[in-house]
Amino acid sequence: MSRLEAIAKASYYPTPPRVVDLIARAVQFTTPPEGSLLAVCAGGGDAAAQLARAWNLASYGVELHTGRAVAAASKLMVCLHGSYHQLQAPEGSTSVLFLNPPYDEGFGTERNIRQEVQFLEDAAKWLASDGLLVLVVPERILDTDACSHIVRQNFRAVEVFRFPKPEYAAFKQHVVFAQKRDL
């Protein structure tokens, strides 16, 4: 996909339905979780709604794009239209953080880091201790010092899985599962 096409779609790359199904089946909770799933980049809400149903969680989201926020609001218990910076949820208030952030450079930010890394760094605060992070990112982002530092510092029991074929070919994406450390 060309850079202009990516900009036109606001760097929106929804998690493929088959991958969402694999994620839902990959996580087996030893005790049924109580709580919620937060999708900071909710998109149209399909992935977050499917995972919340599979894991019996309340579903919440935030989406910047108007049309996708409207779609997500029809699928999630609550979906706010706007920036995740406006989210006023208490820190440590969600049991699962589903994060498929925009794939783009962080131009214009103070530190000029990739958006995927910035979203992870910012959104981790809403995940409860021992909560589950489900992060969908391209392989090349996982290999960056910034991403690996945030994961090592804030999470434990980290497992990384590559998207299956043919979905892997598009963006060489991986799913990271990790538990939030007590900080």
N, C-alpha and C. Protein backbone atom coordinates (compact mmCIF):
# COMPACT_ATOMS: atom_id res chain seq x y z
N MET A 1 0.85 -1.18 0.00
CA MET A 1 0.00 0.00 0.00
C MET A 1 0.89 1.23 0.00
N SER A 2 0.54 2.20 -0.79
CA SER A 2 1.36 3.41 -0.86
C SER A 2 1.16 4.26 0.39
N ARG A 3 2.11 5.13 0.62
CA ARG A 3 2.06 6.04 1.77
C ARG A 3 0.81 6.92 1.72
N LEU A 4 0.43 7.40 0.52
CA LEU A 4 -0.76 8.25 0.39
C LEU A 4 -2.03 7.48 0.72
N GLU A 5 -2.10 6.22 0.32
CA GLU A 5 -3.26 5.40 0.67
C GLU A 5 -3.35 5.20 2.18
N ALA A 6 -2.21 4.98 2.82
CA ALA A 6 -2.20 4.81 4.27
C ALA A 6 -2.68 6.07 4.98
N ILE A 7 -2.23 7.21 4.51
CA ILE A 7 -2.66 8.48 5.10
C ILE A 7 -4.16 8.68 4.92
N ALA A 8 -4.65 8.35 3.73
CA ALA A 8 -6.08 8.52 3.44
C ALA A 8 -6.95 7.68 4.36
N LYS A 9 -6.46 6.53 4.75
CA LYS A 9 -7.26 5.69 5.66
C LYS A 9 -6.84 5.87 7.12
N ALA A 10 -6.09 6.94 7.40
CA ALA A 10 -5.65 7.29 8.75
C ALA A 10 -4.89 6.14 9.40
N SER A 11 -4.06 5.47 8.63
CA SER A 11 -3.23 4.36 9.11
C SER A 11 -4.07 3.29 9.81
N TYR A 12 -5.27 3.08 9.31
CA TYR A 12 -6.21 2.11 9.89
C TYR A 12 -6.06 0.75 9.22
N TYR A 13 -5.63 -0.23 10.00
CA TYR A 13 -5.47 -1.60 9.51
C TYR A 13 -6.15 -2.53 10.51
N PRO A 14 -7.42 -2.84 10.28
CA PRO A 14 -8.14 -3.67 11.25
C PRO A 14 -7.54 -5.07 11.35
N THR A 15 -7.65 -5.64 12.52
CA THR A 15 -7.18 -7.01 12.73
C THR A 15 -8.09 -7.94 11.93
N PRO A 16 -7.52 -8.79 11.09
CA PRO A 16 -8.34 -9.69 10.29
C PRO A 16 -9.21 -10.60 11.18
N PRO A 17 -10.46 -10.85 10.78
CA PRO A 17 -11.38 -11.66 11.59
C PRO A 17 -10.81 -13.03 11.97
N ARG A 18 -10.11 -13.68 11.06
CA ARG A 18 -9.55 -14.99 11.38
C ARG A 18 -8.49 -14.88 12.48
N VAL A 19 -7.73 -13.80 12.47
CA VAL A 19 -6.71 -13.59 13.51
C VAL A 19 -7.39 -13.29 14.84
N VAL A 20 -8.46 -12.52 14.82
CA VAL A 20 -9.20 -12.24 16.06
C VAL A 20 -9.72 -13.55 16.65
N ASP A 21 -10.22 -14.43 15.81
CA ASP A 21 -10.69 -15.73 16.29
C ASP A 21 -9.55 -16.53 16.92
N LEU A 22 -8.38 -16.51 16.30
CA LEU A 22 -7.22 -17.21 16.85
C LEU A 22 -6.79 -16.61 18.19
N ILE A 23 -6.83 -15.29 18.30
CA ILE A 23 -6.51 -14.63 19.56
C ILE A 23 -7.50 -15.06 20.64
N ALA A 24 -8.78 -15.04 20.32
CA ALA A 24 -9.81 -15.42 21.29
C ALA A 24 -9.60 -16.84 21.79
N ARG A 25 -9.24 -17.75 20.89
CA ARG A 25 -9.04 -19.14 21.28
C ARG A 25 -7.69 -19.38 21.98
N ALA A 26 -6.72 -18.51 21.72
CA ALA A 26 -5.38 -18.68 22.30
C ALA A 26 -5.35 -18.38 23.80
N VAL A 27 -6.23 -17.52 24.25
CA VAL A 27 -6.23 -17.11 25.65
C VAL A 27 -7.22 -17.97 26.43
N GLN A 28 -6.68 -18.69 27.38
CA GLN A 28 -7.50 -19.50 28.27
C GLN A 28 -7.29 -18.98 29.69
N PHE A 29 -8.30 -18.37 30.25
CA PHE A 29 -8.19 -17.85 31.61
C PHE A 29 -8.38 -18.98 32.60
N THR A 30 -7.51 -19.04 33.64
CA THR A 30 -7.64 -20.09 34.65
C THR A 30 -8.87 -19.84 35.51
N THR A 31 -9.16 -18.60 35.76
CA THR A 31 -10.42 -18.23 36.42
C THR A 31 -11.10 -17.21 35.51
N PRO A 32 -12.39 -17.31 35.38
CA PRO A 32 -13.08 -16.36 34.50
C PRO A 32 -12.79 -14.93 34.93
N PRO A 33 -12.36 -14.10 33.99
CA PRO A 33 -12.05 -12.72 34.38
C PRO A 33 -13.31 -11.93 34.69
N GLU A 34 -13.17 -11.00 35.56
CA GLU A 34 -14.24 -10.05 35.80
C GLU A 34 -13.67 -8.72 35.38
N GLY A 35 -14.41 -7.99 34.67
CA GLY A 35 -13.89 -6.70 34.29
C GLY A 35 -14.20 -6.33 32.88
N SER A 36 -13.21 -5.69 32.26
CA SER A 36 -13.48 -5.08 30.97
C SER A 36 -12.31 -5.21 30.02
N LEU A 37 -12.66 -5.04 28.75
CA LEU A 37 -11.69 -4.96 27.68
C LEU A 37 -11.74 -3.54 27.15
N LEU A 38 -10.58 -2.92 27.01
CA LEU A 38 -10.48 -1.58 26.47
C LEU A 38 -9.72 -1.63 25.16
N ALA A 39 -10.32 -1.09 24.11
CA ALA A 39 -9.65 -0.96 22.81
C ALA A 39 -9.41 0.53 22.59
N VAL A 40 -8.15 0.94 22.76
CA VAL A 40 -7.82 2.36 22.65
C VAL A 40 -7.94 2.84 21.21
N CYS A 41 -7.72 1.96 20.27
CA CYS A 41 -7.91 2.25 18.84
C CYS A 41 -8.99 1.29 18.37
N ALA A 42 -10.22 1.61 18.69
CA ALA A 42 -11.31 0.65 18.51
C ALA A 42 -11.66 0.36 17.06
N GLY A 43 -11.31 1.24 16.14
CA GLY A 43 -11.70 1.03 14.76
C GLY A 43 -13.21 0.91 14.67
N GLY A 44 -13.68 -0.05 13.90
CA GLY A 44 -15.11 -0.28 13.77
C GLY A 44 -15.70 -1.10 14.91
N GLY A 45 -14.86 -1.54 15.85
CA GLY A 45 -15.32 -2.26 17.03
C GLY A 45 -15.45 -3.76 16.89
N ASP A 46 -15.24 -4.28 15.68
CA ASP A 46 -15.45 -5.72 15.47
C ASP A 46 -14.54 -6.59 16.33
N ALA A 47 -13.24 -6.31 16.31
CA ALA A 47 -12.29 -7.14 17.06
C ALA A 47 -12.54 -7.06 18.56
N ALA A 48 -12.69 -5.85 19.07
CA ALA A 48 -12.90 -5.68 20.50
C ALA A 48 -14.20 -6.36 20.95
N ALA A 49 -15.25 -6.22 20.18
CA ALA A 49 -16.53 -6.84 20.53
C ALA A 49 -16.41 -8.36 20.52
N GLN A 50 -15.75 -8.91 19.52
CA GLN A 50 -15.59 -10.36 19.43
C GLN A 50 -14.77 -10.90 20.61
N LEU A 51 -13.68 -10.24 20.95
CA LEU A 51 -12.86 -10.70 22.07
C LEU A 51 -13.60 -10.55 23.40
N ALA A 52 -14.29 -9.45 23.59
CA ALA A 52 -15.05 -9.24 24.83
C ALA A 52 -16.12 -10.32 25.00
N ARG A 53 -16.80 -10.66 23.91
CA ARG A 53 -17.81 -11.73 23.98
C ARG A 53 -17.16 -13.07 24.32
N ALA A 54 -16.05 -13.37 23.66
CA ALA A 54 -15.38 -14.65 23.88
C ALA A 54 -14.88 -14.79 25.32
N TRP A 55 -14.47 -13.68 25.91
CA TRP A 55 -13.90 -13.73 27.26
C TRP A 55 -14.86 -13.21 28.32
N ASN A 56 -16.11 -12.96 27.94
CA ASN A 56 -17.15 -12.52 28.86
C ASN A 56 -16.75 -11.25 29.63
N LEU A 57 -16.33 -10.24 28.88
CA LEU A 57 -15.91 -8.98 29.46
C LEU A 57 -16.78 -7.84 28.96
N ALA A 58 -16.91 -6.80 29.75
CA ALA A 58 -17.53 -5.57 29.28
C ALA A 58 -16.60 -4.96 28.24
N SER A 59 -17.16 -4.32 27.23
CA SER A 59 -16.33 -3.81 26.13
C SER A 59 -16.40 -2.29 26.04
N TYR A 60 -15.22 -1.69 26.00
CA TYR A 60 -15.11 -0.24 25.90
C TYR A 60 -14.10 0.11 24.82
N GLY A 61 -14.31 1.25 24.18
CA GLY A 61 -13.38 1.67 23.16
C GLY A 61 -13.31 3.17 23.01
N VAL A 62 -12.26 3.58 22.31
CA VAL A 62 -12.06 4.97 21.93
C VAL A 62 -11.63 4.95 20.47
N GLU A 63 -12.23 5.82 19.66
CA GLU A 63 -11.89 5.87 18.24
C GLU A 63 -11.93 7.31 17.76
N LEU A 64 -10.89 7.72 17.08
CA LEU A 64 -10.75 9.09 16.59
C LEU A 64 -11.60 9.35 15.34
N HIS A 65 -11.68 8.39 14.45
CA HIS A 65 -12.40 8.55 13.18
C HIS A 65 -13.91 8.49 13.44
N THR A 66 -14.65 9.49 12.97
CA THR A 66 -16.08 9.60 13.24
C THR A 66 -16.87 8.38 12.79
N GLY A 67 -16.73 7.98 11.54
CA GLY A 67 -17.50 6.85 11.03
C GLY A 67 -17.21 5.55 11.76
N ARG A 68 -15.94 5.31 12.03
CA ARG A 68 -15.58 4.08 12.76
C ARG A 68 -16.06 4.14 14.21
N ALA A 69 -16.03 5.33 14.82
CA ALA A 69 -16.52 5.46 16.20
C ALA A 69 -18.01 5.16 16.28
N VAL A 70 -18.77 5.62 15.30
CA VAL A 70 -20.21 5.34 15.26
C VAL A 70 -20.44 3.84 15.12
N ALA A 71 -19.69 3.21 14.21
CA ALA A 71 -19.82 1.75 14.03
C ALA A 71 -19.45 1.02 15.31
N ALA A 72 -18.36 1.42 15.95
CA ALA A 72 -17.92 0.75 17.18
C ALA A 72 -18.93 0.93 18.30
N ALA A 73 -19.55 2.09 18.36
CA ALA A 73 -20.53 2.35 19.42
C ALA A 73 -21.73 1.41 19.34
N SER A 74 -22.00 0.90 18.14
CA SER A 74 -23.12 -0.05 18.00
C SER A 74 -22.72 -1.47 18.40
N LYS A 75 -21.43 -1.72 18.58
CA LYS A 75 -20.96 -3.07 18.89
C LYS A 75 -20.40 -3.20 20.30
N LEU A 76 -19.91 -2.10 20.86
CA LEU A 76 -19.31 -2.12 22.19
C LEU A 76 -20.28 -1.52 23.20
N MET A 77 -20.06 -1.83 24.47
CA MET A 77 -20.93 -1.22 25.49
C MET A 77 -20.83 0.29 25.45
N VAL A 78 -19.60 0.79 25.31
CA VAL A 78 -19.36 2.22 25.20
C VAL A 78 -18.19 2.42 24.26
N CYS A 79 -18.32 3.36 23.34
CA CYS A 79 -17.21 3.77 22.50
C CYS A 79 -17.22 5.28 22.41
N LEU A 80 -16.15 5.89 22.89
CA LEU A 80 -16.03 7.33 22.85
C LEU A 80 -15.43 7.77 21.52
N HIS A 81 -15.96 8.83 20.98
CA HIS A 81 -15.41 9.39 19.75
C HIS A 81 -14.43 10.49 20.15
N GLY A 82 -13.17 10.29 19.81
CA GLY A 82 -12.15 11.28 20.12
C GLY A 82 -10.80 10.63 20.31
N SER A 83 -9.89 11.39 20.85
CA SER A 83 -8.53 10.93 21.10
C SER A 83 -8.47 10.16 22.42
N TYR A 84 -7.61 9.19 22.47
CA TYR A 84 -7.45 8.46 23.73
C TYR A 84 -6.88 9.38 24.82
N HIS A 85 -6.30 10.49 24.44
CA HIS A 85 -5.80 11.45 25.43
C HIS A 85 -6.94 12.04 26.25
N GLN A 86 -8.15 11.99 25.72
CA GLN A 86 -9.32 12.52 26.43
C GLN A 86 -9.93 11.49 27.38
N LEU A 87 -9.48 10.26 27.31
CA LEU A 87 -10.04 9.19 28.13
C LEU A 87 -9.75 9.46 29.60
N GLN A 88 -10.79 9.43 30.41
CA GLN A 88 -10.63 9.73 31.83
C GLN A 88 -10.82 8.50 32.70
N ALA A 89 -10.55 7.33 32.16
CA ALA A 89 -10.65 6.10 32.94
C ALA A 89 -9.54 6.08 33.99
N PRO A 90 -9.85 5.56 35.16
CA PRO A 90 -8.80 5.47 36.19
C PRO A 90 -7.67 4.53 35.75
N GLU A 91 -6.46 4.86 36.15
CA GLU A 91 -5.34 3.98 35.85
C GLU A 91 -5.60 2.61 36.49
N GLY A 92 -5.21 1.56 35.80
CA GLY A 92 -5.38 0.20 36.31
C GLY A 92 -6.82 -0.27 36.31
N SER A 93 -7.68 0.31 35.47
CA SER A 93 -9.11 0.01 35.55
C SER A 93 -9.60 -1.05 34.57
N THR A 94 -8.75 -1.55 33.69
CA THR A 94 -9.22 -2.54 32.73
C THR A 94 -8.43 -3.83 32.86
N SER A 95 -9.09 -4.95 32.63
CA SER A 95 -8.42 -6.24 32.77
C SER A 95 -7.77 -6.73 31.49
N VAL A 96 -8.24 -6.24 30.33
CA VAL A 96 -7.63 -6.58 29.05
C VAL A 96 -7.50 -5.30 28.23
N LEU A 97 -6.30 -5.07 27.72
CA LEU A 97 -6.06 -3.95 26.81
C LEU A 97 -5.79 -4.53 25.44
N PHE A 98 -6.72 -4.28 24.51
CA PHE A 98 -6.53 -4.70 23.12
C PHE A 98 -6.04 -3.50 22.35
N LEU A 99 -4.84 -3.63 21.79
CA LEU A 99 -4.20 -2.48 21.18
C LEU A 99 -3.68 -2.83 19.79
N ASN A 100 -4.37 -2.31 18.78
CA ASN A 100 -3.93 -2.38 17.39
C ASN A 100 -3.82 -0.93 16.92
N PRO A 101 -2.69 -0.29 17.28
CA PRO A 101 -2.55 1.15 17.03
C PRO A 101 -2.25 1.47 15.58
N PRO A 102 -2.35 2.75 15.22
CA PRO A 102 -1.97 3.15 13.86
C PRO A 102 -0.50 2.82 13.59
N TYR A 103 -0.22 2.43 12.38
CA TYR A 103 1.14 2.11 11.97
C TYR A 103 1.69 3.32 11.23
N ASP A 104 2.47 4.13 11.93
CA ASP A 104 2.98 5.33 11.29
C ASP A 104 4.10 5.93 12.12
N GLU A 105 4.84 6.82 11.47
CA GLU A 105 5.88 7.58 12.14
C GLU A 105 5.24 8.52 13.14
N GLY A 106 5.99 8.91 14.13
CA GLY A 106 5.49 9.83 15.14
C GLY A 106 5.90 11.26 14.88
N PHE A 107 5.81 11.68 13.63
CA PHE A 107 6.21 13.05 13.30
C PHE A 107 5.40 14.05 14.10
N GLY A 108 6.08 15.07 14.56
CA GLY A 108 5.39 16.13 15.28
C GLY A 108 5.32 15.88 16.78
N THR A 109 5.74 14.71 17.22
CA THR A 109 5.76 14.45 18.65
C THR A 109 7.10 14.89 19.20
N GLU A 110 7.14 15.13 20.47
CA GLU A 110 8.38 15.59 21.10
C GLU A 110 9.53 14.61 20.87
N ARG A 111 9.28 13.34 21.05
CA ARG A 111 10.34 12.34 20.98
C ARG A 111 10.45 11.70 19.60
N ASN A 112 9.50 11.99 18.73
CA ASN A 112 9.53 11.48 17.36
C ASN A 112 9.60 9.95 17.30
N ILE A 113 8.84 9.27 18.18
CA ILE A 113 8.82 7.81 18.17
C ILE A 113 7.62 7.32 17.37
N ARG A 114 7.69 6.09 16.93
CA ARG A 114 6.60 5.49 16.15
C ARG A 114 5.30 5.56 16.94
N GLN A 115 4.19 5.72 16.20
CA GLN A 115 2.88 5.78 16.87
C GLN A 115 2.55 4.50 17.62
N GLU A 116 2.95 3.36 17.07
CA GLU A 116 2.67 2.09 17.74
C GLU A 116 3.28 2.09 19.15
N VAL A 117 4.49 2.59 19.25
CA VAL A 117 5.19 2.64 20.54
C VAL A 117 4.55 3.67 21.46
N GLN A 118 4.20 4.82 20.91
CA GLN A 118 3.57 5.87 21.72
C GLN A 118 2.24 5.40 22.29
N PHE A 119 1.43 4.74 21.47
CA PHE A 119 0.15 4.22 21.97
C PHE A 119 0.37 3.21 23.08
N LEU A 120 1.32 2.30 22.90
CA LEU A 120 1.62 1.30 23.94
C LEU A 120 2.05 1.98 25.23
N GLU A 121 2.96 2.91 25.11
CA GLU A 121 3.47 3.60 26.30
C GLU A 121 2.35 4.33 27.03
N ASP A 122 1.51 5.03 26.29
CA ASP A 122 0.43 5.82 26.90
C ASP A 122 -0.70 4.95 27.46
N ALA A 123 -1.09 3.92 26.73
CA ALA A 123 -2.27 3.13 27.11
C ALA A 123 -2.00 2.09 28.20
N ALA A 124 -0.76 1.73 28.41
CA ALA A 124 -0.44 0.71 29.41
C ALA A 124 -0.94 1.09 30.81
N LYS A 125 -1.06 2.37 31.07
CA LYS A 125 -1.49 2.81 32.41
C LYS A 125 -2.90 2.36 32.76
N TRP A 126 -3.75 2.12 31.75
CA TRP A 126 -5.13 1.72 32.04
C TRP A 126 -5.27 0.23 32.34
N LEU A 127 -4.23 -0.52 32.12
CA LEU A 127 -4.28 -1.96 32.36
C LEU A 127 -3.98 -2.26 33.83
N ALA A 128 -4.82 -3.08 34.43
CA ALA A 128 -4.65 -3.46 35.84
C ALA A 128 -3.43 -4.36 36.01
N SER A 129 -2.89 -4.39 37.20
CA SER A 129 -1.82 -5.33 37.51
C SER A 129 -2.30 -6.74 37.19
N ASP A 130 -1.45 -7.52 36.56
CA ASP A 130 -1.76 -8.88 36.09
C ASP A 130 -2.74 -8.89 34.92
N GLY A 131 -3.16 -7.72 34.45
CA GLY A 131 -4.06 -7.65 33.31
C GLY A 131 -3.35 -8.09 32.04
N LEU A 132 -4.13 -8.43 31.04
CA LEU A 132 -3.62 -8.97 29.78
C LEU A 132 -3.51 -7.88 28.72
N LEU A 133 -2.32 -7.76 28.14
CA LEU A 133 -2.09 -6.92 26.98
C LEU A 133 -2.17 -7.80 25.74
N VAL A 134 -2.96 -7.37 24.76
CA VAL A 134 -2.99 -8.00 23.44
C VAL A 134 -2.61 -6.89 22.46
N LEU A 135 -1.38 -6.95 21.98
CA LEU A 135 -0.82 -5.91 21.13
C LEU A 135 -0.60 -6.46 19.73
N VAL A 136 -1.14 -5.77 18.73
CA VAL A 136 -0.99 -6.16 17.33
C VAL A 136 -0.09 -5.12 16.65
N VAL A 137 1.10 -5.56 16.24
CA VAL A 137 2.06 -4.63 15.62
C VAL A 137 2.89 -5.33 14.56
N PRO A 138 3.44 -4.55 13.63
CA PRO A 138 4.35 -5.12 12.65
C PRO A 138 5.64 -5.62 13.33
N GLU A 139 6.21 -6.65 12.76
CA GLU A 139 7.43 -7.26 13.29
C GLU A 139 8.55 -6.23 13.50
N ARG A 140 8.71 -5.34 12.57
CA ARG A 140 9.82 -4.38 12.66
C ARG A 140 9.68 -3.45 13.86
N ILE A 141 8.48 -3.26 14.36
CA ILE A 141 8.28 -2.43 15.55
C ILE A 141 8.71 -3.19 16.80
N LEU A 142 8.44 -4.48 16.83
CA LEU A 142 8.86 -5.30 17.98
C LEU A 142 10.37 -5.28 18.15
N ASP A 143 11.07 -5.16 17.05
CA ASP A 143 12.53 -5.19 17.08
C ASP A 143 13.17 -3.86 17.48
N THR A 144 12.36 -2.83 17.70
CA THR A 144 12.94 -1.54 18.07
C THR A 144 13.27 -1.51 19.56
N ASP A 145 14.29 -0.74 19.91
CA ASP A 145 14.67 -0.60 21.32
C ASP A 145 13.54 0.01 22.14
N ALA A 146 12.84 1.00 21.56
CA ALA A 146 11.78 1.68 22.30
C ALA A 146 10.65 0.73 22.67
N CYS A 147 10.21 -0.09 21.74
CA CYS A 147 9.12 -1.04 22.01
C CYS A 147 9.56 -2.11 23.01
N SER A 148 10.71 -2.70 22.76
CA SER A 148 11.16 -3.78 23.66
C SER A 148 11.41 -3.24 25.08
N HIS A 149 11.87 -2.00 25.20
CA HIS A 149 12.08 -1.41 26.53
C HIS A 149 10.75 -1.27 27.28
N ILE A 150 9.73 -0.76 26.61
CA ILE A 150 8.43 -0.59 27.26
C ILE A 150 7.87 -1.94 27.69
N VAL A 151 7.97 -2.93 26.82
CA VAL A 151 7.45 -4.26 27.15
C VAL A 151 8.21 -4.85 28.33
N ARG A 152 9.54 -4.80 28.30
CA ARG A 152 10.35 -5.37 29.41
C ARG A 152 10.07 -4.66 30.72
N GLN A 153 9.92 -3.35 30.67
CA GLN A 153 9.74 -2.56 31.88
C GLN A 153 8.37 -2.76 32.52
N ASN A 154 7.33 -2.95 31.71
CA ASN A 154 5.96 -2.94 32.22
C ASN A 154 5.25 -4.28 32.23
N PHE A 155 5.82 -5.30 31.56
CA PHE A 155 5.09 -6.54 31.38
C PHE A 155 5.96 -7.76 31.69
N ARG A 156 5.28 -8.86 31.95
CA ARG A 156 5.96 -10.15 32.17
C ARG A 156 5.17 -11.22 31.41
N ALA A 157 5.68 -12.42 31.43
CA ALA A 157 5.03 -13.55 30.74
C ALA A 157 4.70 -13.17 29.29
N VAL A 158 5.67 -12.62 28.62
CA VAL A 158 5.48 -12.12 27.25
C VAL A 158 5.57 -13.28 26.26
N GLU A 159 4.58 -13.37 25.39
CA GLU A 159 4.58 -14.36 24.31
C GLU A 159 4.26 -13.62 23.02
N VAL A 160 4.97 -13.98 21.97
CA VAL A 160 4.79 -13.32 20.68
C VAL A 160 4.45 -14.37 19.63
N PHE A 161 3.42 -14.11 18.85
CA PHE A 161 2.99 -15.02 17.80
C PHE A 161 2.87 -14.26 16.49
N ARG A 162 3.35 -14.89 15.46
CA ARG A 162 3.27 -14.32 14.12
C ARG A 162 1.88 -14.57 13.53
N PHE A 163 1.36 -13.60 12.79
CA PHE A 163 0.10 -13.83 12.07
C PHE A 163 0.27 -15.06 11.18
N PRO A 164 -0.79 -15.80 10.98
CA PRO A 164 -0.70 -16.96 10.07
C PRO A 164 -0.67 -16.50 8.61
N LYS A 165 -0.28 -17.42 7.74
CA LYS A 165 -0.37 -17.15 6.30
C LYS A 165 -1.84 -17.22 5.92
N PRO A 166 -2.35 -16.45 5.06
CA PRO A 166 -1.71 -15.42 4.24
C PRO A 166 -1.69 -14.04 4.90
N GLU A 167 -2.32 -13.88 6.07
CA GLU A 167 -2.43 -12.56 6.70
C GLU A 167 -1.06 -11.95 7.02
N TYR A 168 -0.09 -12.77 7.30
CA TYR A 168 1.25 -12.27 7.65
C TYR A 168 1.88 -11.46 6.51
N ALA A 169 1.60 -11.83 5.30
CA ALA A 169 2.26 -11.22 4.13
C ALA A 169 2.02 -9.72 4.02
N ALA A 170 0.85 -9.23 4.42
CA ALA A 170 0.51 -7.82 4.21
C ALA A 170 1.42 -6.87 4.97
N PHE A 171 1.55 -7.05 6.28
CA PHE A 171 2.32 -6.11 7.10
C PHE A 171 3.31 -6.82 8.03
N LYS A 172 3.43 -8.14 7.89
CA LYS A 172 4.33 -8.91 8.75
C LYS A 172 4.03 -8.63 10.23
N GLN A 173 2.76 -8.81 10.57
CA GLN A 173 2.30 -8.49 11.91
C GLN A 173 2.47 -9.65 12.89
N HIS A 174 2.56 -9.27 14.15
CA HIS A 174 2.63 -10.20 15.26
C HIS A 174 1.61 -9.80 16.32
N VAL A 175 1.25 -10.77 17.15
CA VAL A 175 0.41 -10.51 18.31
C VAL A 175 1.26 -10.76 19.54
N VAL A 176 1.30 -9.79 20.43
CA VAL A 176 2.04 -9.91 21.67
C VAL A 176 1.02 -10.08 22.79
N PHE A 177 1.19 -11.14 23.57
CA PHE A 177 0.40 -11.34 24.77
C PHE A 177 1.35 -11.11 25.96
N ALA A 178 0.92 -10.32 26.94
CA ALA A 178 1.77 -10.09 28.09
C ALA A 178 0.92 -9.70 29.29
N GLN A 179 1.45 -9.97 30.47
CA GLN A 179 0.78 -9.60 31.72
C GLN A 179 1.42 -8.37 32.30
N LYS A 180 0.58 -7.45 32.76
CA LYS A 180 1.07 -6.21 33.36
C LYS A 180 1.74 -6.51 34.69
N ARG A 181 2.92 -5.98 34.88
CA ARG A 181 3.65 -6.11 36.14
C ARG A 181 3.03 -5.22 37.21
N ASP A 182 3.20 -5.62 38.46
CA ASP A 182 2.91 -4.70 39.58
C ASP A 182 4.02 -3.67 39.58
N LEU A 183 3.65 -2.43 39.49
CA LEU A 183 4.69 -1.38 39.46
C LEU A 183 4.71 -0.59 40.73
